[in-house]
Amino acid sequence: MKTREHRETRQRGDPTEEIRREAYLLWQQEGCPAGRELDHWLTAQELVKHRTRHIRATAPTDDEREPKVRPTEALVTPT
């Protein structure tokens, strides 16, 4: 049985599980054909790679993560 820490580690650094899941879905969508494992795996690998690049490209920068002070809050000075 896998521990929670094991699952979290694999999800963070290793895309194998995500590729495996995508390949399985592709296999199912094609009607479960025999002998196409490599095709499904390679297609899934490309999908995951593309998705990862897109997520990194749209992730907020450190400056964007900082809470922004609204103009009305800037007028209030702490006492």
C-alpha atoms as a PDB file:
ATOM      1  CA  MET A   1       0.000   0.000   0.000  1.00  0.00           C
ATOM      2  CA  LYS A   2       1.369   3.395  -0.950  1.00  0.00           C
ATOM      3  CA  THR A   3       1.734   6.040   1.683  1.00  0.00           C
ATOM      4  CA  ARG A   4       0.448   9.551   1.266  1.00  0.00           C
ATOM      5  CA  GLU A   5       3.989  10.923   1.220  1.00  0.00           C
ATOM      6  CA  HIS A   6       4.926   8.484  -1.544  1.00  0.00           C
ATOM      7  CA  ARG A   7       1.983   9.577  -3.685  1.00  0.00           C
ATOM      8  CA  GLU A   8       2.731  13.269  -3.107  1.00  0.00           C
ATOM      9  CA  THR A   9       6.401  12.805  -4.023  1.00  0.00           C
ATOM     10  CA  ARG A  10       5.551  10.971  -7.225  1.00  0.00           C
ATOM     11  CA  GLN A  11       2.968  13.595  -8.177  1.00  0.00           C
ATOM     12  CA  ARG A  12       5.337  16.503  -7.641  1.00  0.00           C
ATOM     13  CA  GLY A  13       8.505  15.356  -9.353  1.00  0.00           C
ATOM     14  CA  ASP A  14       7.619  12.374 -11.534  1.00  0.00           C
ATOM     15  CA  PRO A  15       5.048  12.703 -14.319  1.00  0.00           C
ATOM     16  CA  THR A  16       4.908   8.916 -14.839  1.00  0.00           C
ATOM     17  CA  GLU A  17       1.554   8.508 -13.110  1.00  0.00           C
ATOM     18  CA  GLU A  18      -0.015  11.282 -15.157  1.00  0.00           C
ATOM     19  CA  ILE A  19       1.379   9.797 -18.379  1.00  0.00           C
ATOM     20  CA  ARG A  20       0.095   6.353 -17.373  1.00  0.00           C
ATOM     21  CA  ARG A  21      -3.376   7.769 -16.712  1.00  0.00           C
ATOM     22  CA  GLU A  22      -3.426   9.651 -20.041  1.00  0.00           C
ATOM     23  CA  ALA A  23      -2.231   6.588 -21.976  1.00  0.00           C
ATOM     24  CA  TYR A  24      -4.970   4.505 -20.363  1.00  0.00           C
ATOM     25  CA  LEU A  25      -7.618   7.050 -21.330  1.00  0.00           C
ATOM     26  CA  LEU A  26      -6.326   7.146 -24.916  1.00  0.00           C
ATOM     27  CA  TRP A  27      -6.404   3.342 -25.030  1.00  0.00           C
ATOM     28  CA  GLN A  28     -10.004   3.324 -23.810  1.00  0.00           C
ATOM     29  CA  GLN A  29     -11.062   6.038 -26.261  1.00  0.00           C
ATOM     30  CA  GLU A  30      -9.719   3.967 -29.149  1.00  0.00           C
ATOM     31  CA  GLY A  31     -11.712   0.914 -28.088  1.00  0.00           C
ATOM     32  CA  CYS A  32      -8.962  -0.915 -26.165  1.00  0.00           C
ATOM     33  CA  PRO A  33      -6.885  -2.085 -29.166  1.00  0.00           C
ATOM     34  CA  ALA A  34      -4.079  -4.577 -28.572  1.00  0.00           C
ATOM     35  CA  GLY A  35      -0.514  -3.756 -29.579  1.00  0.00           C
ATOM     36  CA  ARG A  36      -0.746   0.055 -29.462  1.00  0.00           C
ATOM     37  CA  GLU A  37       0.778   0.543 -26.014  1.00  0.00           C
ATOM     38  CA  LEU A  38       3.805   2.463 -27.251  1.00  0.00           C
ATOM     39  CA  ASP A  39       1.691   4.770 -29.422  1.00  0.00           C
ATOM     40  CA  HIS A  40      -0.572   5.591 -26.498  1.00  0.00           C
ATOM     41  CA  TRP A  41       2.372   6.089 -24.137  1.00  0.00           C
ATOM     42  CA  LEU A  42       4.218   8.446 -26.491  1.00  0.00           C
ATOM     43  CA  THR A  43       1.073  10.447 -27.237  1.00  0.00           C
ATOM     44  CA  ALA A  44       0.329  10.713 -23.523  1.00  0.00           C
ATOM     45  CA  GLN A  45       3.905  11.818 -22.879  1.00  0.00           C
ATOM     46  CA  GLU A  46       3.530  14.664 -25.372  1.00  0.00           C
ATOM     47  CA  LEU A  47       0.176  15.700 -23.881  1.00  0.00           C
ATOM     48  CA  VAL A  48       1.608  15.833 -20.369  1.00  0.00           C
ATOM     49  CA  LYS A  49       4.708  17.706 -21.554  1.00  0.00           C
ATOM     50  CA  HIS A  50       2.548  20.268 -23.353  1.00  0.00           C
ATOM     51  CA  ARG A  51       0.253  20.652 -20.331  1.00  0.00           C
ATOM     52  CA  THR A  52       3.229  21.125 -18.003  1.00  0.00           C
ATOM     53  CA  ARG A  53       4.749  23.801 -20.238  1.00  0.00           C
ATOM     54  CA  HIS A  54       1.418  25.604 -20.441  1.00  0.00           C
ATOM     55  CA  ILE A  55       0.984  25.545 -16.661  1.00  0.00           C
ATOM     56  CA  ARG A  56       4.510  26.901 -16.122  1.00  0.00           C
ATOM     57  CA  ALA A  57       3.982  29.619 -18.723  1.00  0.00           C
ATOM     58  CA  THR A  58       0.750  30.812 -17.121  1.00  0.00           C
ATOM     59  CA  ALA A  59       1.840  30.452 -13.480  1.00  0.00           C
ATOM     60  CA  PRO A  60       1.948  33.722 -11.567  1.00  0.00           C
ATOM     61  CA  THR A  61       5.361  35.222 -10.847  1.00  0.00           C
ATOM     62  CA  ASP A  62       6.510  36.034  -7.318  1.00  0.00           C
ATOM     63  CA  ASP A  63       5.436  39.662  -7.797  1.00  0.00           C
ATOM     64  CA  GLU A  64       1.960  38.572  -8.825  1.00  0.00           C
ATOM     65  CA  ARG A  65       1.676  36.341  -5.750  1.00  0.00           C
ATOM     66  CA  GLU A  66       2.300  39.265  -3.399  1.00  0.00           C
ATOM     67  CA  PRO A  67      -0.903  40.629  -1.933  1.00  0.00           C
ATOM     68  CA  LYS A  68      -1.621  43.935  -3.564  1.00  0.00           C
ATOM     69  CA  VAL A  69      -2.599  46.947  -1.534  1.00  0.00           C
ATOM     70  CA  ARG A  70      -5.797  48.471  -2.760  1.00  0.00           C
ATOM     71  CA  PRO A  71      -5.780  52.272  -3.176  1.00  0.00           C
ATOM     72  CA  THR A  72      -8.163  52.752  -0.257  1.00  0.00           C
ATOM     73  CA  GLU A  73      -5.948  50.645   2.023  1.00  0.00           C
ATOM     74  CA  ALA A  74      -2.893  52.722   1.114  1.00  0.00           C
ATOM     75  CA  LEU A  75      -4.635  55.818   2.531  1.00  0.00           C
ATOM     76  CA  VAL A  76      -5.073  54.232   5.947  1.00  0.00           C
ATOM     77  CA  THR A  77      -2.000  54.506   8.123  1.00  0.00           C
ATOM     78  CA  PRO A  78      -1.469  52.065  10.966  1.00  0.00           C
ATOM     79  CA  THR A  79      -1.648  53.576  14.432  1.00  0.00           C
END
